[in-house]
N, C-alpha and C. Protein backbone atom coordinates (compact mmCIF):
# COMPACT_ATOMS: atom_id res chain seq x y z
N MET A 1 0.75 -1.37 -0.04
CA MET A 1 -0.03 -0.24 -0.06
C MET A 1 0.82 1.18 -0.11
N ILE A 2 1.65 1.41 0.84
CA ILE A 2 2.60 2.53 0.99
C ILE A 2 3.45 2.60 -0.38
N ARG A 3 4.08 1.53 -0.73
CA ARG A 3 4.86 1.43 -1.78
C ARG A 3 4.09 1.83 -3.07
N SER A 4 2.86 1.48 -3.22
CA SER A 4 1.91 1.92 -4.31
C SER A 4 1.55 3.54 -4.19
N LEU A 5 1.54 4.07 -3.05
CA LEU A 5 1.34 5.43 -2.84
C LEU A 5 2.67 6.26 -3.18
N PHE A 6 3.76 5.87 -2.85
CA PHE A 6 5.00 6.31 -3.12
C PHE A 6 5.44 6.37 -4.53
N LEU A 7 4.92 5.15 -5.23
CA LEU A 7 5.07 5.14 -6.74
C LEU A 7 3.97 6.02 -7.53
N ALA A 8 3.02 6.23 -6.90
CA ALA A 8 1.95 7.25 -7.73
C ALA A 8 2.50 8.58 -7.39
N ALA A 9 2.80 9.10 -6.09
CA ALA A 9 3.63 10.41 -6.06
C ALA A 9 4.80 10.52 -6.85
N THR A 10 5.66 9.68 -6.97
CA THR A 10 6.69 9.73 -7.99
C THR A 10 6.32 9.93 -9.13
N ASP A 11 5.45 9.00 -9.82
CA ASP A 11 4.84 9.34 -11.15
C ASP A 11 4.32 10.90 -11.54
N ALA A 12 3.49 11.15 -10.28
CA ALA A 12 2.79 12.66 -10.48
C ALA A 12 4.13 13.86 -10.47
N ALA A 13 5.05 13.56 -9.54
CA ALA A 13 6.39 14.76 -9.51
C ALA A 13 7.17 14.88 -10.97
N VAL A 14 7.07 13.26 -11.76
CA VAL A 14 8.04 13.50 -12.94
C VAL A 14 7.04 13.96 -13.94
N ALA A 15 5.62 13.91 -13.72
CA ALA A 15 4.91 14.48 -15.08
C ALA A 15 4.68 16.02 -14.73
N LEU A 16 4.91 16.24 -13.39
CA LEU A 16 4.80 17.96 -12.86
C LEU A 16 6.10 18.45 -13.43
N ALA A 17 7.01 17.74 -13.18
CA ALA A 17 8.58 18.33 -13.84
C ALA A 17 8.29 18.30 -15.45
N ARG A 18 8.01 17.40 -16.01
CA ARG A 18 7.96 17.52 -17.74
C ARG A 18 7.04 18.56 -17.96
N ARG A 19 5.84 18.93 -17.29
CA ARG A 19 5.06 19.81 -17.68
C ARG A 19 5.49 21.29 -17.67
N ARG A 20 6.47 21.40 -16.44
CA ARG A 20 7.43 22.68 -16.35
C ARG A 20 8.37 22.78 -17.37
N ALA A 21 9.27 21.93 -17.72
CA ALA A 21 10.12 21.76 -18.31
C ALA A 21 9.84 22.15 -19.79
N THR A 22 8.53 21.89 -20.27
CA THR A 22 8.14 22.09 -21.56
C THR A 22 7.63 23.49 -21.60
N SER A 23 7.15 24.25 -20.56
CA SER A 23 6.73 25.38 -20.29
C SER A 23 7.86 26.45 -20.41
N LEU A 24 8.87 26.18 -19.99
CA LEU A 24 10.00 27.18 -19.71
C LEU A 24 10.61 27.36 -21.27
N SER A 25 11.28 28.27 -21.40
CA SER A 25 11.77 28.52 -22.99
C SER A 25 13.04 27.88 -22.93
N ALA A 26 13.42 27.47 -24.13
CA ALA A 26 14.70 27.05 -24.33
C ALA A 26 15.79 27.81 -23.53
N ALA A 27 15.79 29.14 -23.95
CA ALA A 27 16.81 29.75 -23.54
C ALA A 27 17.17 29.75 -22.08
N THR A 28 16.21 29.89 -21.31
CA THR A 28 16.39 29.36 -19.90
C THR A 28 16.70 27.98 -19.41
N MET A 29 16.26 26.89 -20.07
CA MET A 29 16.43 25.65 -19.58
C MET A 29 18.11 25.13 -20.16
N LEU A 30 18.55 25.58 -21.19
CA LEU A 30 19.48 25.07 -21.98
C LEU A 30 20.95 25.90 -21.88
N THR A 31 21.87 25.89 -21.94
CA THR A 31 23.11 26.61 -22.13
C THR A 31 23.10 26.76 -23.54
N SER A 32 24.01 28.19 -23.62
CA SER A 32 24.35 28.47 -25.21
C SER A 32 24.95 27.36 -25.86
N ARG A 33 25.63 26.57 -25.69
CA ARG A 33 26.46 25.59 -25.83
C ARG A 33 25.57 24.21 -26.58
N GLN A 34 24.76 24.12 -25.22
CA GLN A 34 23.55 22.92 -25.56
C GLN A 34 22.58 23.22 -26.77
N ARG A 35 22.14 24.74 -26.65
CA ARG A 35 21.22 25.14 -27.87
C ARG A 35 21.92 25.12 -29.32
N GLU A 36 23.37 25.32 -29.06
CA GLU A 36 24.14 25.60 -30.57
C GLU A 36 24.17 23.92 -31.05
N VAL A 37 24.29 22.89 -30.04
CA VAL A 37 24.52 21.52 -30.58
C VAL A 37 23.21 20.63 -30.89
N LEU A 38 22.16 21.26 -30.46
CA LEU A 38 20.87 20.66 -30.44
C LEU A 38 20.28 21.40 -31.77
N GLY A 39 20.65 22.62 -32.22
CA GLY A 39 20.12 22.85 -33.26
C GLY A 39 21.00 22.42 -34.57
N ALA A 40 22.18 22.43 -34.05
CA ALA A 40 23.09 21.43 -35.21
C ALA A 40 22.46 20.13 -35.73
N LEU A 41 22.00 19.24 -34.34
CA LEU A 41 21.23 18.08 -34.97
C LEU A 41 19.93 18.37 -35.57
N ALA A 42 19.30 19.43 -35.22
CA ALA A 42 18.09 19.71 -35.83
C ALA A 42 18.33 19.68 -37.35
N HIS A 43 19.36 20.38 -37.75
CA HIS A 43 19.68 20.48 -38.96
C HIS A 43 20.48 19.34 -39.76
N GLY A 44 20.39 17.93 -38.95
CA GLY A 44 21.02 17.02 -39.69
C GLY A 44 22.35 16.60 -39.62
N ARG A 45 23.01 17.57 -38.77
CA ARG A 45 24.46 17.38 -38.65
C ARG A 45 24.86 16.05 -37.63
N GLN A 46 25.72 15.51 -38.03
CA GLN A 46 26.43 14.48 -36.94
C GLN A 46 27.08 14.78 -35.99
N THR A 47 27.26 14.08 -34.95
CA THR A 47 28.01 14.22 -33.82
C THR A 47 29.69 14.70 -34.09
N LYS A 48 30.18 14.01 -35.10
CA LYS A 48 31.59 13.92 -35.41
C LYS A 48 31.58 15.70 -36.28
N GLU A 49 30.84 15.68 -36.86
CA GLU A 49 30.66 17.18 -37.58
C GLU A 49 30.42 18.37 -36.80
N ILE A 50 29.53 18.09 -36.02
CA ILE A 50 29.18 19.62 -34.79
C ILE A 50 30.64 19.40 -34.02
N ALA A 51 31.43 18.23 -33.52
CA ALA A 51 32.67 18.29 -32.96
C ALA A 51 33.61 19.26 -33.72
N ARG A 52 33.80 18.94 -34.85
CA ARG A 52 34.78 19.33 -35.86
C ARG A 52 34.50 21.02 -35.88
N ASP A 53 33.36 21.30 -36.39
CA ASP A 53 32.97 22.88 -36.34
C ASP A 53 33.00 23.44 -35.20
N LEU A 54 32.79 22.95 -34.35
CA LEU A 54 32.95 24.09 -32.63
C LEU A 54 34.29 23.66 -32.23
N GLY A 55 35.20 22.93 -32.58
CA GLY A 55 36.38 22.67 -32.09
C GLY A 55 36.69 22.08 -30.89
N ILE A 56 35.38 20.93 -30.78
CA ILE A 56 35.86 20.10 -29.39
C ILE A 56 35.62 18.91 -29.74
N LYS A 57 35.95 17.77 -28.90
CA LYS A 57 35.93 16.63 -29.04
C LYS A 57 34.42 16.03 -28.99
N GLU A 58 34.28 14.87 -29.88
CA GLU A 58 33.11 14.27 -30.09
C GLU A 58 32.46 14.12 -28.70
N SER A 59 33.18 13.66 -27.63
CA SER A 59 32.61 13.03 -26.36
C SER A 59 32.15 14.33 -25.60
N THR A 60 32.48 15.55 -25.77
CA THR A 60 31.91 16.53 -25.29
C THR A 60 30.79 17.02 -26.20
N VAL A 61 30.56 16.60 -27.25
CA VAL A 61 29.32 17.06 -27.81
C VAL A 61 28.24 16.11 -27.20
N LYS A 62 28.68 14.75 -27.17
CA LYS A 62 28.00 13.64 -26.49
C LYS A 62 27.44 14.22 -25.10
N THR A 63 28.33 14.99 -24.51
CA THR A 63 27.97 15.24 -22.98
C THR A 63 26.76 16.68 -23.23
N HIS A 64 27.11 17.31 -23.85
CA HIS A 64 26.15 18.21 -24.03
C HIS A 64 24.81 18.08 -24.42
N ILE A 65 24.92 16.70 -25.36
CA ILE A 65 23.66 16.24 -25.65
C ILE A 65 23.05 15.51 -24.68
N ALA A 66 23.79 14.90 -23.79
CA ALA A 66 23.02 14.09 -22.45
C ALA A 66 22.39 15.15 -21.51
N LYS A 67 23.32 16.27 -21.61
CA LYS A 67 22.84 17.01 -20.22
C LYS A 67 21.76 17.83 -21.03
N ALA A 68 21.70 18.03 -22.10
CA ALA A 68 20.20 18.87 -22.80
C ALA A 68 19.15 17.90 -22.60
N CYS A 69 19.53 16.52 -22.86
CA CYS A 69 18.35 15.56 -22.73
C CYS A 69 17.70 15.71 -20.90
N HIS A 70 18.55 15.44 -20.37
CA HIS A 70 18.21 15.41 -18.84
C HIS A 70 17.34 16.85 -18.61
N ARG A 71 17.78 18.02 -19.03
CA ARG A 71 17.12 19.20 -18.73
C ARG A 71 15.66 19.30 -19.62
N LEU A 72 15.81 18.68 -20.75
CA LEU A 72 14.14 18.33 -21.41
C LEU A 72 13.65 17.51 -20.92
N GLY A 73 13.76 16.57 -20.33
CA GLY A 73 13.16 15.71 -19.75
C GLY A 73 13.08 14.50 -21.01
N ALA A 74 13.98 14.29 -21.77
CA ALA A 74 13.92 13.42 -22.96
C ALA A 74 14.71 12.30 -22.46
N THR A 75 14.33 11.52 -23.21
CA THR A 75 14.94 9.80 -23.07
C THR A 75 15.95 9.78 -24.16
N THR A 76 15.83 10.10 -25.31
CA THR A 76 16.61 10.01 -26.68
C THR A 76 16.96 11.33 -27.28
N ARG A 77 17.97 11.29 -28.10
CA ARG A 77 18.73 12.39 -28.73
C ARG A 77 17.23 12.97 -29.57
N ALA A 78 16.88 12.31 -30.29
CA ALA A 78 15.55 12.42 -31.07
C ALA A 78 14.47 13.46 -30.68
N GLN A 79 14.38 12.79 -29.15
CA GLN A 79 13.00 13.39 -28.28
C GLN A 79 13.68 14.73 -27.93
N ALA A 80 14.96 14.83 -27.54
CA ALA A 80 15.38 16.07 -26.85
C ALA A 80 15.77 17.32 -28.33
N VAL A 81 15.82 16.71 -29.45
CA VAL A 81 15.82 17.85 -30.62
C VAL A 81 14.47 18.05 -30.84
N ALA A 82 13.52 17.14 -30.80
CA ALA A 82 12.11 17.50 -31.12
C ALA A 82 11.58 18.55 -29.98
N ARG A 83 12.19 18.42 -28.77
CA ARG A 83 11.35 19.28 -27.79
C ARG A 83 12.17 20.74 -27.91
N TYR A 84 13.39 20.37 -28.31
CA TYR A 84 14.22 22.17 -28.69
C TYR A 84 13.48 22.78 -29.61
N VAL A 85 13.40 21.89 -30.63
CA VAL A 85 12.31 22.74 -32.03
C VAL A 85 11.15 23.14 -31.57
N GLN A 86 10.40 22.65 -30.77
CA GLN A 86 9.04 22.99 -30.22
C GLN A 86 9.33 24.42 -29.42
N LEU A 87 10.22 24.04 -28.57
CA LEU A 87 10.56 25.29 -27.66
C LEU A 87 11.04 26.29 -28.46
N THR A 88 11.82 26.48 -29.51
CA THR A 88 12.12 27.38 -30.16
C THR A 88 11.18 27.97 -31.11
N LYS A 89 9.96 27.30 -31.48
CA LYS A 89 9.03 27.75 -32.39
C LYS A 89 8.45 28.75 -31.78
N ARG A 90 8.30 29.18 -30.21
CA ARG A 90 7.44 29.59 -29.59
C ARG A 90 7.97 31.38 -29.82
């Protein structure tokens, strides 16, 4: 009983956090570098290309993507890019 209440409360908290995350602007949620990387992904660039263009390592690009995913409440790169595009259209 207590466990099911805890799980329900956790699910509600996660849903609320996601609603709040999608209501904030991309400018306040993401760093300028994260926006730059997601923008490049949205234009079809690959990790290696983004790294070369920005003068950083591929692993750094992947870190920016992972942190952006977390901030946007996304579980995949594609989902993060879709949410970023949606937020920047406003």
